[in-house]
C-alpha cells in the first residue's frame, strides 16, 4: 500500500523512504516477537508432555 501511495504521488520520495524504513523496522520487531512467542509455546508444550 505504501508503494502504491508513493506511485500515485501521495508522498514525496523522502517521506516514502522514511516511512518504508520505519515499517521495515516494525516488521523486524514483530517477526522477533512472533518467534519468541512461538519458542515459548513450544517450551510450554514440552513441559506439559513430560
PDB file of N, CA and C in Angstrom:
ATOM      1  N   UNK A   1       0.819  -1.196   0.000  1.00  0.00           N
ATOM      2  CA  UNK A   1       0.000   0.000   0.000  1.00  0.00           C
ATOM      3  C   UNK A   1       0.862   1.259   0.000  1.00  0.00           C
ATOM      4  N   UNK A   2       1.927   1.207   0.759  1.00  0.00           N
ATOM      5  CA  UNK A   2       2.804   2.366   0.812  1.00  0.00           C
ATOM      6  C   UNK A   2       3.425   2.627  -0.559  1.00  0.00           C
ATOM      7  N   UNK A   3       3.803   1.568  -1.226  1.00  0.00           N
ATOM      8  CA  UNK A   3       4.395   1.692  -2.571  1.00  0.00           C
ATOM      9  C   UNK A   3       3.380   2.287  -3.543  1.00  0.00           C
ATOM     10  N   UNK A   4       2.151   1.840  -3.457  1.00  0.00           N
ATOM     11  CA  UNK A   4       1.100   2.371  -4.323  1.00  0.00           C
ATOM     12  C   UNK A   4       0.889   3.855  -4.036  1.00  0.00           C
ATOM     13  N   UNK A   5       0.845   4.215  -2.773  1.00  0.00           N
ATOM     14  CA  UNK A   5       0.660   5.618  -2.404  1.00  0.00           C
ATOM     15  C   UNK A   5       1.795   6.478  -2.965  1.00  0.00           C
ATOM     16  N   UNK A   6       3.001   5.955  -2.924  1.00  0.00           N
ATOM     17  CA  UNK A   6       4.130   6.695  -3.478  1.00  0.00           C
ATOM     18  C   UNK A   6       3.997   6.823  -4.994  1.00  0.00           C
ATOM     19  N   UNK A   7       3.572   5.741  -5.638  1.00  0.00           N
ATOM     20  CA  UNK A   7       3.425   5.765  -7.101  1.00  0.00           C
ATOM     21  C   UNK A   7       2.384   6.776  -7.571  1.00  0.00           C
ATOM     22  N   UNK A   8       1.352   6.985  -6.781  1.00  0.00           N
ATOM     23  CA  UNK A   8       0.330   7.965  -7.188  1.00  0.00           C
ATOM     24  C   UNK A   8       0.640   9.356  -6.636  1.00  0.00           C
ATOM     25  N   UNK A   9       1.852   9.497  -6.147  1.00  0.00           N
ATOM     26  CA  UNK A   9       2.367  10.784  -5.658  1.00  0.00           C
ATOM     27  C   UNK A   9       1.648  11.291  -4.411  1.00  0.00           C
ATOM     28  N   UNK A  10       1.170  10.366  -3.580  1.00  0.00           N
ATOM     29  CA  UNK A  10       0.568  10.760  -2.313  1.00  0.00           C
ATOM     30  C   UNK A  10       1.652  11.173  -1.311  1.00  0.00           C
ATOM     31  N   UNK A  11       2.870  10.676  -1.529  1.00  0.00           N
ATOM     32  CA  UNK A  11       4.013  11.008  -0.682  1.00  0.00           C
ATOM     33  C   UNK A  11       5.156  11.480  -1.558  1.00  0.00           C
ATOM     34  N   UNK A  12       5.968  12.351  -0.995  1.00  0.00           N
ATOM     35  CA  UNK A  12       7.231  12.686  -1.653  1.00  0.00           C
ATOM     36  C   UNK A  12       8.206  11.545  -1.401  1.00  0.00           C
ATOM     37  N   UNK A  13       9.232  11.449  -2.204  1.00  0.00           N
ATOM     38  CA  UNK A  13      10.191  10.353  -2.085  1.00  0.00           C
ATOM     39  C   UNK A  13      10.823  10.300  -0.696  1.00  0.00           C
ATOM     40  N   UNK A  14      11.166  11.451  -0.140  1.00  0.00           N
ATOM     41  CA  UNK A  14      11.781  11.486   1.191  1.00  0.00           C
ATOM     42  C   UNK A  14      10.824  10.911   2.244  1.00  0.00           C
ATOM     43  N   UNK A  15       9.551  11.263   2.163  1.00  0.00           N
ATOM     44  CA  UNK A  15       8.555  10.728   3.098  1.00  0.00           C
ATOM     45  C   UNK A  15       8.404   9.224   2.910  1.00  0.00           C
ATOM     46  N   UNK A  16       8.394   8.789   1.658  1.00  0.00           N
ATOM     47  CA  UNK A  16       8.262   7.359   1.351  1.00  0.00           C
ATOM     48  C   UNK A  16       9.426   6.575   1.962  1.00  0.00           C
ATOM     49  N   UNK A  17      10.638   7.086   1.797  1.00  0.00           N
ATOM     50  CA  UNK A  17      11.816   6.404   2.337  1.00  0.00           C
ATOM     51  C   UNK A  17      11.743   6.333   3.858  1.00  0.00           C
ATOM     52  N   UNK A  18      11.382   7.439   4.489  1.00  0.00           N
ATOM     53  CA  UNK A  18      11.274   7.471   5.950  1.00  0.00           C
ATOM     54  C   UNK A  18      10.241   6.468   6.448  1.00  0.00           C
ATOM     55  N   UNK A  19       9.068   6.466   5.832  1.00  0.00           N
ATOM     56  CA  UNK A  19       8.017   5.532   6.237  1.00  0.00           C
ATOM     57  C   UNK A  19       8.417   4.091   5.960  1.00  0.00           C
ATOM     58  N   UNK A  20       9.053   3.848   4.826  1.00  0.00           N
ATOM     59  CA  UNK A  20       9.491   2.489   4.485  1.00  0.00           C
ATOM     60  C   UNK A  20      10.477   1.958   5.512  1.00  0.00           C
ATOM     61  N   UNK A  21      11.416   2.792   5.903  1.00  0.00           N
ATOM     62  CA  UNK A  21      12.406   2.374   6.897  1.00  0.00           C
ATOM     63  C   UNK A  21      11.748   2.057   8.226  1.00  0.00           C
ATOM     64  N   UNK A  22      10.810   2.897   8.636  1.00  0.00           N
ATOM     65  CA  UNK A  22      10.112   2.654   9.906  1.00  0.00           C
ATOM     66  C   UNK A  22       9.278   1.384   9.847  1.00  0.00           C
ATOM     67  N   UNK A  23       8.582   1.173   8.737  1.00  0.00           N
ATOM     68  CA  UNK A  23       7.776  -0.040   8.599  1.00  0.00           C
ATOM     69  C   UNK A  23       8.643  -1.286   8.550  1.00  0.00           C
ATOM     70  N   UNK A  24       9.806  -1.182   7.923  1.00  0.00           N
ATOM     71  CA  UNK A  24      10.735  -2.307   7.884  1.00  0.00           C
ATOM     72  C   UNK A  24      11.190  -2.671   9.295  1.00  0.00           C
ATOM     73  N   UNK A  25      11.526  -1.665  10.076  1.00  0.00           N
ATOM     74  CA  UNK A  25      11.960  -1.888  11.458  1.00  0.00           C
ATOM     75  C   UNK A  25      10.828  -2.503  12.292  1.00  0.00           C
ATOM     76  N   UNK A  26       9.616  -2.012  12.113  1.00  0.00           N
ATOM     77  CA  UNK A  26       8.459  -2.577  12.817  1.00  0.00           C
ATOM     78  C   UNK A  26       8.277  -4.039  12.430  1.00  0.00           C
ATOM     79  N   UNK A  27       8.442  -4.342  11.154  1.00  0.00           N
ATOM     80  CA  UNK A  27       8.330  -5.725  10.686  1.00  0.00           C
ATOM     81  C   UNK A  27       9.360  -6.634  11.335  1.00  0.00           C
ATOM     82  N   UNK A  28      10.582  -6.134  11.474  1.00  0.00           N
ATOM     83  CA  UNK A  28      11.622  -6.925  12.133  1.00  0.00           C
ATOM     84  C   UNK A  28      11.278  -7.166  13.599  1.00  0.00           C
ATOM     85  N   UNK A  29      10.767  -6.134  14.264  1.00  0.00           N
ATOM     86  CA  UNK A  29      10.389  -6.277  15.671  1.00  0.00           C
ATOM     87  C   UNK A  29       9.252  -7.281  15.831  1.00  0.00           C
ATOM     88  N   UNK A  30       8.249  -7.180  14.964  1.00  0.00           N
ATOM     89  CA  UNK A  30       7.121  -8.113  15.039  1.00  0.00           C
ATOM     90  C   UNK A  30       7.562  -9.540  14.752  1.00  0.00           C
ATOM     91  N   UNK A  31       8.463  -9.703  13.791  1.00  0.00           N
ATOM     92  CA  UNK A  31       8.985 -11.034  13.486  1.00  0.00           C
ATOM     93  C   UNK A  31       9.721 -11.626  14.676  1.00  0.00           C
ATOM     94  N   UNK A  32      10.534 -10.816  15.342  1.00  0.00           N
ATOM     95  CA  UNK A  32      11.247 -11.282  16.532  1.00  0.00           C
ATOM     96  C   UNK A  32      10.299 -11.633  17.658  1.00  0.00           C
ATOM     97  N   UNK A  33       9.304 -10.809  17.855  1.00  0.00           N
ATOM     98  CA  UNK A  33       8.297 -11.074  18.888  1.00  0.00           C
ATOM     99  C   UNK A  33       7.563 -12.378  18.583  1.00  0.00           C
ATOM    100  N   UNK A  34       7.175 -12.555  17.332  1.00  0.00           N
ATOM    101  CA  UNK A  34       6.466 -13.770  16.922  1.00  0.00           C
ATOM    102  C   UNK A  34       7.320 -15.006  17.180  1.00  0.00           C
ATOM    103  N   UNK A  35       8.589 -14.937  16.810  1.00  0.00           N
ATOM    104  CA  UNK A  35       9.481 -16.081  17.021  1.00  0.00           C
ATOM    105  C   UNK A  35       9.653 -16.388  18.502  1.00  0.00           C
ATOM    106  N   UNK A  36       9.739 -15.346  19.320  1.00  0.00           N
ATOM    107  CA  UNK A  36       9.882 -15.541  20.760  1.00  0.00           C
ATOM    108  C   UNK A  36       8.642 -16.225  21.333  1.00  0.00           C
ATOM    109  N   UNK A  37       7.466 -15.786  20.918  1.00  0.00           N
ATOM    110  CA  UNK A  37       6.223 -16.392  21.395  1.00  0.00           C
ATOM    111  C   UNK A  37       6.136 -17.846  20.957  1.00  0.00           C
ATOM    112  N   UNK A  38       6.519 -18.122  19.720  1.00  0.00           N
ATOM    113  CA  UNK A  38       6.499 -19.500  19.221  1.00  0.00           C
ATOM    114  C   UNK A  38       7.412 -20.396  20.055  1.00  0.00           C
ATOM    115  N   UNK A  39       8.610 -19.915  20.379  1.00  0.00           N
ATOM    116  CA  UNK A  39       9.544 -20.692  21.193  1.00  0.00           C
ATOM    117  C   UNK A  39       8.973 -20.943  22.583  1.00  0.00           C
ATOM    118  N   UNK A  40       8.355 -19.927  23.170  1.00  0.00           N
ATOM    119  CA  UNK A  40       7.766 -20.085  24.500  1.00  0.00           C
ATOM    120  C   UNK A  40       6.641 -21.108  24.474  1.00  0.00           C
ATOM    121  N   UNK A  41       5.830 -21.081  23.425  1.00  0.00           N
ATOM    122  CA  UNK A  41       4.738 -22.054  23.309  1.00  0.00           C
ATOM    123  C   UNK A  41       5.280 -23.467  23.156  1.00  0.00           C
ATOM    124  N   UNK A  42       6.343 -23.617  22.392  1.00  0.00           N
ATOM    125  CA  UNK A  42       6.954 -24.938  22.222  1.00  0.00           C
ATOM    126  C   UNK A  42       7.508 -25.447  23.545  1.00  0.00           C
ATOM    127  N   UNK A  43       8.134 -24.564  24.329  1.00  0.00           N
ATOM    128  CA  UNK A  43       8.653 -24.956  25.641  1.00  0.00           C
ATOM    129  C   UNK A  43       7.521 -25.366  26.573  1.00  0.00           C
ATOM    130  N   UNK A  44       6.415 -24.631  26.553  1.00  0.00           N
ATOM    131  CA  UNK A  44       5.279 -24.964  27.401  1.00  0.00           C
ATOM    132  C   UNK A  44       4.672 -26.303  26.999  1.00  0.00           C
ATOM    133  N   UNK A  45       4.587 -26.565  25.710  1.00  0.00           N
ATOM    134  CA  UNK A  45       4.066 -27.848  25.241  1.00  0.00           C
ATOM    135  C   UNK A  45       4.960 -28.987  25.682  1.00  0.00           C
ATOM    136  N   UNK A  46       6.272 -28.758  25.643  1.00  0.00           N
ATOM    137  CA  UNK A  46       7.231 -29.777  26.072  1.00  0.00           C
ATOM    138  C   UNK A  46       7.095 -30.087  27.551  1.00  0.00           C
ATOM    139  N   UNK A  47       6.853 -29.083  28.372  1.00  0.00           N
ATOM    140  CA  UNK A  47       6.702 -29.280  29.808  1.00  0.00           C
ATOM    141  C   UNK A  47       5.425 -30.044  30.134  1.00  0.00           C
ATOM    142  N   UNK A  48       4.366 -29.800  29.363  1.00  0.00           N
ATOM    143  CA  UNK A  48       3.091 -30.468  29.609  1.00  0.00           C
ATOM    144  C   UNK A  48       3.148 -31.942  29.208  1.00  0.00           C
ATOM    145  N   UNK A  49       3.985 -32.272  28.244  1.00  0.00           N
ATOM    146  CA  UNK A  49       4.064 -33.641  27.743  1.00  0.00           C
ATOM    147  C   UNK A  49       5.001 -34.505  28.566  1.00  0.00           C
ATOM    148  N   UNK A  50       5.694 -33.930  29.550  1.00  0.00           N
ATOM    149  CA  UNK A  50       6.624 -34.736  30.346  1.00  0.00           C
ATOM    150  C   UNK A  50       6.039 -35.110  31.665  1.00  0.00           C
TER     151      UNK A  50
END
